[in-house]
Each structure stands twice: as C-alpha cells, then as structure tokens.
Protein backbone atom coordinates (compact mmCIF):
# COMPACT_ATOMS: atom_id res chain seq x y z
CA MET A 1 -148.71 -13.22 9.19
CA TYR A 2 -147.13 -10.78 11.64
CA LEU A 3 -146.42 -7.78 9.41
CA SER A 4 -149.23 -5.39 8.58
CA LYS A 5 -150.37 -5.05 4.97
CA LYS A 6 -149.18 -1.45 5.01
CA THR A 7 -145.67 -2.49 6.08
CA ILE A 8 -145.50 -5.24 3.45
CA GLN A 9 -146.67 -2.77 0.80
CA MET A 10 -144.09 -0.19 1.89
CA LEU A 11 -141.30 -2.78 1.77
CA ALA A 12 -142.37 -3.89 -1.71
CA GLU A 13 -142.62 -0.33 -3.05
CA LYS A 14 -139.21 0.67 -1.68
CA LEU A 15 -137.55 -2.50 -2.96
CA ASN A 16 -139.16 -2.02 -6.38
CA ALA A 17 -137.84 1.57 -6.49
CA LEU A 18 -134.36 0.33 -5.61
CA ASN A 19 -134.49 -2.44 -8.20
CA LYS A 20 -135.34 0.12 -10.86
CA VAL A 21 -132.02 1.92 -10.35
CA ARG A 22 -130.00 -1.30 -10.23
CA PRO A 23 -127.29 -2.02 -11.20
CA ILE A 24 -125.78 0.77 -9.12
CA ASP A 25 -122.47 2.30 -10.23
CA SER A 26 -119.71 0.17 -8.68
CA ALA A 27 -117.84 3.10 -7.11
CA LEU A 28 -121.03 4.46 -5.56
CA LEU A 29 -122.08 0.99 -4.41
CA GLU A 30 -118.72 0.49 -2.70
CA LYS A 31 -119.11 3.81 -0.89
CA ILE A 32 -122.61 2.87 0.30
CA LYS A 33 -121.37 -0.55 1.39
CA LYS A 34 -118.56 0.94 3.48
CA ASN A 35 -120.97 3.36 5.16
CA PHE A 36 -123.30 0.49 6.00
CA GLN A 37 -120.41 -1.57 7.39
CA ILE A 38 -119.40 1.22 9.76
CA GLU A 39 -123.04 1.79 10.79
CA MET A 40 -123.66 -1.91 11.38
CA THR A 41 -120.39 -2.52 13.23
CA TYR A 42 -120.78 0.50 15.48
CA ASN A 43 -124.44 -0.12 16.36
CA SER A 44 -124.23 -3.89 16.78
CA ASN A 45 -121.19 -3.64 19.07
CA ALA A 46 -122.62 -0.66 20.98
CA ILE A 47 -125.78 -2.63 21.78
CA GLU A 48 -123.53 -5.15 23.52
CA GLY A 49 -121.70 -2.47 25.54
CA ASN A 50 -118.77 -1.50 23.31
CA THR A 51 -117.99 2.17 24.01
CA LEU A 52 -116.29 3.10 20.73
CA THR A 53 -118.13 5.98 19.06
CA LYS A 54 -119.11 5.74 15.39
CA LYS A 55 -116.20 7.99 14.43
CA GLU A 56 -113.79 5.93 16.55
CA THR A 57 -115.14 2.74 14.96
CA PHE A 58 -114.34 4.26 11.54
CA TRP A 59 -110.81 5.15 12.65
CA VAL A 60 -110.15 1.65 14.01
CA ILE A 61 -111.49 -0.11 10.91
CA SER A 62 -110.41 2.22 8.12
CA GLU A 63 -107.27 3.82 9.52
CA GLY A 64 -106.03 1.13 11.91
CA LEU A 65 -105.77 3.68 14.72
CA THR A 66 -105.63 2.89 18.43
CA ILE A 67 -108.08 4.95 20.47
CA LYS A 68 -106.78 6.24 23.78
CA GLY A 69 -108.82 5.14 26.76
CA LYS A 70 -110.53 2.27 24.91
CA SER A 71 -109.79 -1.38 25.69
CA LEU A 72 -108.03 -3.82 23.40
CA LYS A 73 -111.17 -5.97 23.46
CA GLU A 74 -113.24 -3.07 22.07
CA HIS A 75 -110.74 -2.52 19.25
CA LEU A 76 -110.76 -6.22 18.40
CA GLU A 77 -114.56 -6.37 18.47
CA ALA A 78 -114.69 -3.62 15.83
CA LYS A 79 -112.13 -5.38 13.62
CA ASN A 80 -113.77 -8.78 14.08
CA HIS A 81 -117.24 -7.53 13.24
CA HIS A 82 -115.96 -5.75 10.14
CA GLU A 83 -114.30 -8.98 8.96
CA ALA A 84 -117.56 -10.85 9.55
CA LEU A 85 -119.39 -8.26 7.41
CA GLU A 86 -116.80 -8.64 4.65
CA PHE A 87 -117.51 -12.38 4.73
CA LEU A 88 -121.26 -11.72 4.66
CA TYR A 89 -120.96 -9.47 1.60
CA GLU A 90 -118.76 -12.06 -0.09
CA LEU A 91 -121.45 -14.69 0.47
CA ILE A 92 -124.17 -12.44 -0.97
CA ASP A 93 -122.06 -11.43 -3.98
CA LYS A 94 -121.14 -15.02 -4.84
CA ASN A 95 -124.39 -16.82 -4.25
CA LYS A 96 -127.89 -15.39 -3.96
CA LYS A 97 -129.21 -18.59 -2.37
CA ASN A 98 -127.05 -19.00 0.70
CA THR A 99 -128.30 -21.74 2.98
CA ILE A 100 -128.29 -21.03 6.69
CA SER A 101 -126.68 -23.99 8.44
CA GLU A 102 -125.05 -24.75 11.76
CA TYR A 103 -121.71 -24.64 9.98
CA LEU A 104 -122.39 -21.14 8.62
CA ILE A 105 -123.57 -19.89 12.03
CA LYS A 106 -120.39 -21.25 13.62
CA GLN A 107 -118.31 -19.65 10.86
CA MET A 108 -119.93 -16.28 11.45
CA HIS A 109 -119.51 -16.55 15.22
CA SER A 110 -115.88 -17.48 14.79
CA LEU A 111 -115.27 -14.29 12.82
CA VAL A 112 -117.20 -12.16 15.34
CA VAL A 113 -115.16 -13.23 18.41
CA ASN A 114 -112.00 -14.74 16.93
CA GLU A 115 -109.32 -12.23 17.87
CA SER A 116 -111.03 -11.06 21.06
CA ASP A 117 -111.57 -14.60 22.41
CA SER A 118 -110.32 -17.34 20.08
CA LYS A 119 -110.94 -20.14 22.62
CA ILE A 120 -114.73 -19.87 22.26
CA ALA A 121 -114.85 -18.94 18.55
CA GLY A 122 -117.32 -21.12 16.67
CA VAL A 123 -117.77 -23.50 19.61
CA TYR A 124 -121.12 -24.19 21.28
CA ARG A 125 -121.20 -23.59 25.01
CA THR A 126 -121.24 -26.63 27.28
CA GLY A 127 -122.43 -24.92 30.44
CA ASN A 128 -125.43 -22.90 31.54
CA VAL A 129 -125.81 -19.13 31.05
CA PHE A 130 -128.15 -16.40 32.23
CA ILE A 131 -129.09 -13.31 30.22
CA SER A 132 -128.72 -10.20 32.35
CA GLY A 133 -131.92 -8.14 32.56
CA SER A 134 -134.07 -10.82 30.91
CA ASP A 135 -136.62 -13.26 32.32
CA HIS A 136 -135.74 -15.75 29.59
CA GLU A 137 -133.63 -18.72 30.64
CA PRO A 138 -131.66 -20.27 27.74
CA PRO A 139 -131.51 -24.06 27.45
CA SER A 140 -128.81 -25.88 29.40
CA GLY A 141 -125.44 -26.52 27.80
CA PHE A 142 -126.12 -30.16 26.98
CA GLU A 143 -129.30 -29.16 25.10
CA VAL A 144 -127.65 -26.59 22.79
CA ALA A 145 -126.61 -28.97 19.97
CA VAL A 146 -130.09 -30.48 19.76
CA LYS A 147 -131.77 -27.06 19.89
CA MET A 148 -129.57 -25.83 17.04
CA GLU A 149 -130.47 -28.87 14.93
CA GLU A 150 -134.14 -28.13 15.61
CA LEU A 151 -133.62 -24.47 14.64
CA ILE A 152 -132.19 -25.35 11.23
CA ALA A 153 -135.00 -27.89 10.68
CA TRP A 154 -137.54 -25.18 11.59
CA LEU A 155 -135.97 -22.75 9.13
CA LYS A 156 -136.12 -25.26 6.27
CA LYS A 157 -139.75 -26.04 7.06
CA GLU A 158 -140.92 -22.43 7.51
CA LYS A 159 -138.86 -20.53 4.91
CA ASN A 160 -141.70 -20.34 2.39
CA LYS A 161 -144.46 -19.68 4.92
CA HIS A 162 -143.41 -16.18 6.00
CA HIS A 163 -142.44 -12.87 4.45
CA VAL A 164 -138.63 -12.84 4.48
CA ILE A 165 -138.51 -10.03 7.07
CA GLU A 166 -140.74 -12.07 9.37
CA LEU A 167 -138.57 -15.13 8.80
CA ALA A 168 -135.41 -13.15 9.59
CA ALA A 169 -136.92 -11.64 12.75
CA ILE A 170 -138.15 -14.98 14.09
CA MET A 171 -134.87 -16.69 13.19
CA HIS A 172 -132.99 -13.95 15.02
CA HIS A 173 -135.10 -14.40 18.14
CA LYS A 174 -134.87 -18.18 18.14
CA LEU A 175 -131.09 -18.02 17.79
CA VAL A 176 -130.56 -15.56 20.65
CA ALA A 177 -133.08 -17.49 22.76
CA ILE A 178 -130.94 -20.63 22.42
CA HIS A 179 -127.86 -18.50 23.17
CA PRO A 180 -125.61 -21.23 21.73
CA PHE A 181 -122.28 -19.50 22.43
CA TRP A 182 -120.63 -18.15 25.54
CA ASP A 183 -120.38 -14.68 23.99
CA GLY A 184 -121.22 -12.91 20.72
CA ASN A 185 -124.74 -14.34 20.35
CA GLY A 186 -126.48 -11.03 19.59
CA ARG A 187 -123.90 -9.90 17.05
CA THR A 188 -123.95 -13.30 15.34
CA ALA A 189 -127.76 -13.42 15.24
CA ARG A 190 -127.97 -9.93 13.69
CA LEU A 191 -125.53 -10.97 10.97
CA ILE A 192 -127.32 -14.26 10.25
CA MET A 193 -130.72 -12.56 9.97
CA ASN A 194 -129.17 -10.19 7.42
CA ILE A 195 -128.12 -13.07 5.20
CA LEU A 196 -131.82 -13.90 4.82
CA ILE A 197 -132.71 -10.23 4.27
CA MET A 198 -129.95 -9.54 1.73
CA ASN A 199 -130.58 -12.80 -0.12
CA ALA A 200 -134.01 -11.37 -0.91
CA GLY A 201 -132.49 -8.22 -2.41
CA TYR A 202 -133.00 -5.86 0.52
CA PRO A 203 -130.17 -3.86 2.08
CA MET A 204 -129.20 -4.98 5.56
CA GLY A 205 -131.36 -4.08 8.52
CA ILE A 206 -129.35 -2.18 11.13
CA ILE A 207 -130.70 -2.10 14.68
CA LEU A 208 -129.63 1.21 16.17
CA LYS A 209 -127.96 1.62 19.55
CA ASN A 210 -130.49 4.34 20.33
CA ASP A 211 -133.29 1.78 19.87
CA ARG A 212 -131.69 -0.71 22.25
CA GLN A 213 -134.41 -0.57 24.91
CA ARG A 214 -137.18 -1.00 22.34
CA TYR A 215 -135.18 -3.85 20.78
CA TYR A 216 -134.95 -5.64 24.14
CA ARG A 217 -138.64 -5.03 24.75
CA VAL A 218 -139.80 -6.62 21.47
CA LEU A 219 -137.42 -9.55 22.04
CA ALA A 220 -139.00 -10.05 25.48
CA GLU A 221 -142.44 -10.04 23.84
CA ALA A 222 -141.16 -12.70 21.42
CA ASP A 223 -140.03 -14.76 24.42
CA ARG A 224 -143.74 -14.91 25.30
CA GLY A 225 -144.66 -16.00 21.76
CA ASP A 226 -145.72 -12.58 20.43
CA TYR A 227 -143.65 -11.84 17.31
CA LYS A 228 -145.68 -8.99 15.82
CA ASN A 229 -143.74 -6.05 17.25
CA LEU A 230 -140.36 -7.70 16.66
CA CYS A 231 -141.23 -8.23 12.98
CA GLU A 232 -142.47 -4.65 12.61
CA PHE A 233 -139.35 -3.38 14.40
CA LEU A 234 -137.04 -5.21 12.00
CA ALA A 235 -139.13 -4.11 9.00
CA GLN A 236 -138.71 -0.53 10.13
CA SER A 237 -134.92 -0.94 10.20
CA VAL A 238 -134.96 -2.37 6.67
CA ILE A 239 -137.20 0.45 5.42
CA ARG A 240 -134.74 2.91 6.96
CA SER A 241 -131.91 1.24 5.02
CA LEU A 242 -133.96 1.30 1.82
CA ASN A 243 -134.56 5.02 2.33
CA ASN A 244 -130.84 5.58 2.86
CA TYR A 245 -130.00 3.72 -0.36
CA LEU A 246 -132.63 5.58 -2.35
CA SER A 247 -131.59 8.98 -1.02
CA VAL A 248 -128.10 8.35 -2.44
CA VAL A 249 -128.85 6.60 -5.73
CA SER A 250 -132.10 8.38 -6.56
CA PRO A 251 -132.22 11.74 -4.74
CA THR A 252 -135.56 13.50 -4.98
CA LYS A 253 -136.10 17.12 -5.95
CA ASN A 254 -139.69 17.09 -4.80
CA LYS A 255 -140.10 19.46 -1.84
CA LYS A 256 -142.97 17.37 -0.52
CA GLU A 257 -140.55 14.48 -0.07
CA GLN A 258 -137.85 16.46 1.73
CA LEU A 259 -137.18 15.06 5.18
CA LEU A 260 -138.14 17.30 8.09
CA THR A 261 -137.84 16.99 11.84
CA LEU A 262 -141.09 16.08 13.55
CA ALA A 263 -141.30 19.61 14.99
CA GLU A 264 -140.89 21.11 11.49
CA LEU A 265 -143.38 18.65 10.02
CA ALA A 266 -145.93 19.38 12.74
CA GLY A 267 -145.96 22.98 11.55
CA LYS A 268 -147.04 21.82 8.10
CA CYS A 269 -149.80 19.43 9.12
CA ASN A 270 -152.47 19.04 11.81
CA TYR A 271 -150.54 16.52 13.90
CA SER A 272 -148.35 17.14 16.94
CA PRO A 273 -144.74 15.88 17.06
CA ALA A 274 -145.80 13.33 19.71
CA TYR A 275 -148.58 11.96 17.51
CA LEU A 276 -146.28 11.82 14.48
CA LYS A 277 -143.80 9.79 16.52
CA LYS A 278 -146.59 7.45 17.60
CA LEU A 279 -147.53 6.91 13.94
CA ILE A 280 -143.89 6.18 13.11
CA LEU A 281 -143.42 3.68 15.94
CA THR A 282 -146.53 1.80 14.84
CA ASN A 283 -145.26 1.76 11.23
CA LYS A 284 -148.17 3.89 9.98
CA LEU A 285 -146.00 6.79 8.85
CA GLU A 286 -142.90 6.42 6.71
CA ALA A 287 -139.85 7.94 8.40
CA ALA A 288 -136.10 7.78 8.85
CA LYS A 289 -134.07 7.97 12.03
CA LYS A 290 -130.78 9.85 12.23
CA GLY A 291 -129.08 9.65 15.60
CA ARG A 292 -131.82 10.13 18.18
CA ASN A 293 -134.12 12.13 15.89
CA TRP A 294 -136.94 11.02 13.60
CA TYR A 295 -137.52 12.63 10.20
CA SER A 296 -140.47 12.35 7.84
CA SER A 297 -142.02 14.29 4.98
CA VAL A 298 -145.19 16.07 3.90
CA LYS A 299 -145.70 13.36 1.28
CA ALA A 300 -145.52 10.65 3.94
CA VAL A 301 -148.22 12.44 5.97
CA ASP A 302 -150.35 12.84 2.83
CA ASP A 303 -149.95 9.12 2.09
CA TYR A 304 -151.01 8.28 5.66
CA LYS A 305 -154.09 10.48 5.39
CA LYS A 306 -155.06 8.79 2.12
CA SER A 307 -154.67 5.36 3.69
CA ILE A 308 -157.07 6.13 6.57
CA ALA A 309 -159.57 7.80 4.23
CA LYS A 310 -160.08 4.60 2.23
C-alpha cells in the first residue's frame, strides 16, 4: 500500500459526495467535460514542450483558429490530443469495464500523434532512445514488444491488489519507463492511466504544467522503486478534479469551506503560508491548485487539526 490512509479516506469521501449528486444534468456534464478536455489537453501537451497557452488551446480546438507564431506541429498536437480524449470518453460512456491491452495503447498513441507524425502512430519503436534529463535508460528497441507483453500481464495480475489510483500511477510509470514509442509516450501514458481512474468512477486526474518538475521528480523516485510519492501526487490531482466537479455540481454556502489563498488562510489560523503549503504537498491538508497558487479552507485546517488530535 503506497497511499496513506488519510488520502484513501479523502478520495472515498469526495467520490461518495460526487456519487450522491449523480446523475448530473446532461448540459452541465457536457460543460464540465469540455472544460476538463481543454485543461487536460493544454497541460499534457505543455509538459512535453508545446507552447500554446490554455486560451490558445481552446481557440484551436473549439474555434479551429490558427495561432500566429505557433508551429503547425503544436496545432496538430492540440487537435490530436482532443480527439484522443473524445475516444477516451466514448470508451468510458460505452463500457465501464474497459480492458487495457496493447491494442488499446496503440490505438490511443495513434490518435495522440496521428496528424503530427502519422509514420510512427501506433507503432512500437525499433531503435534505442534516451530520455533527456533522466538517468533512466529505456529498454532497447528489440525488447519493447516483450516488455509490453509483460506490462499487460502485470496489470492483469495486480489489478485487484492495489487501490485504483495506485494501480494507475504504477501503470503510468511502467509505461513511460518502457518508452515503447518514438514520441508521444508521456501523453499516451497519462491518457491510459485515466482509463483506469475513470473506470472506477473518478474524474480524470490532470497533471498540471506548473507541477512538471515535481512530476519528473516523483517519476525519478519510481525509477528507483519508490512509488509512494508518485501515487500521492496522482491522488492529489484526482482530488483536485473531484473538488472542481463538486464546486460546480454542489456549490457550498458554508463560509468555512470557502477557498482562500494560503496567505489569507494563514491570517485565520496559527499556521504560516509555508507550513500550509508543506501540509498540502504531503497530502495532509485538502487543497486545490489554480494556476500557480494553492487554495484551501478553514474547514480543511479544522479537519487537519482534528486528525492530529486523535
């Protein structure tokens, strides 16, 4: 078990609260879905170096606009990723028990890179690659097919031994560690992990561009066999998505639950902004991240104080 009991409890409570307001009005659900698609497309591509802003990503996807000064490849990456998300949602809507297979991974990769580089779409690499800025060395090209078979066998064997967020996090790491394709591995892995997450009823976990360095750090720890921080990191992203859903479908009128900046919150409790951030990053304090800023509430601080008083 890699997730803390507190994190597992928080995930369960948030999911239970979301399930209580389901089914969500179809028009509202569609609006939420579109917002998540823009968020996911922008952040996932930005992590890989795409320079489209979130607003520009929206214009490319929703309005079909061409952004001056941005490359054709960046435009195609936005469109490709959006199409892959449409496929992902279609899978979830049609069948709650989607099976992750090599075929599905290749399908997803094909959608992610199709228009930007159709020659490599859905095709395992046959040569060796190196990951810039990482000490990890992916397996050689001739090993990829075998490693992917082993990955699917591992998933079938382990799927009932882990919390689904743990399973998704480990699956994500194992897939990017194999690095089975010439390009698009990170984007594909983040989509595949979300099939597992969404199959379990959670909203998708979106890894933010602003958390890129922390994301790389926990992946590097996983390279050394330590999955704890990666699992907590992904759980935090799912909790953030749960909070976003709940704020729309079940807005609170309780002032204690109103989200405040850490500086504002520090003025209402005995903790400094730096200590509040430390609690958030260790998943001890419930919070939401908007842009580069963290937000939490008086209630979240009260809940934390109760938990350490037990």
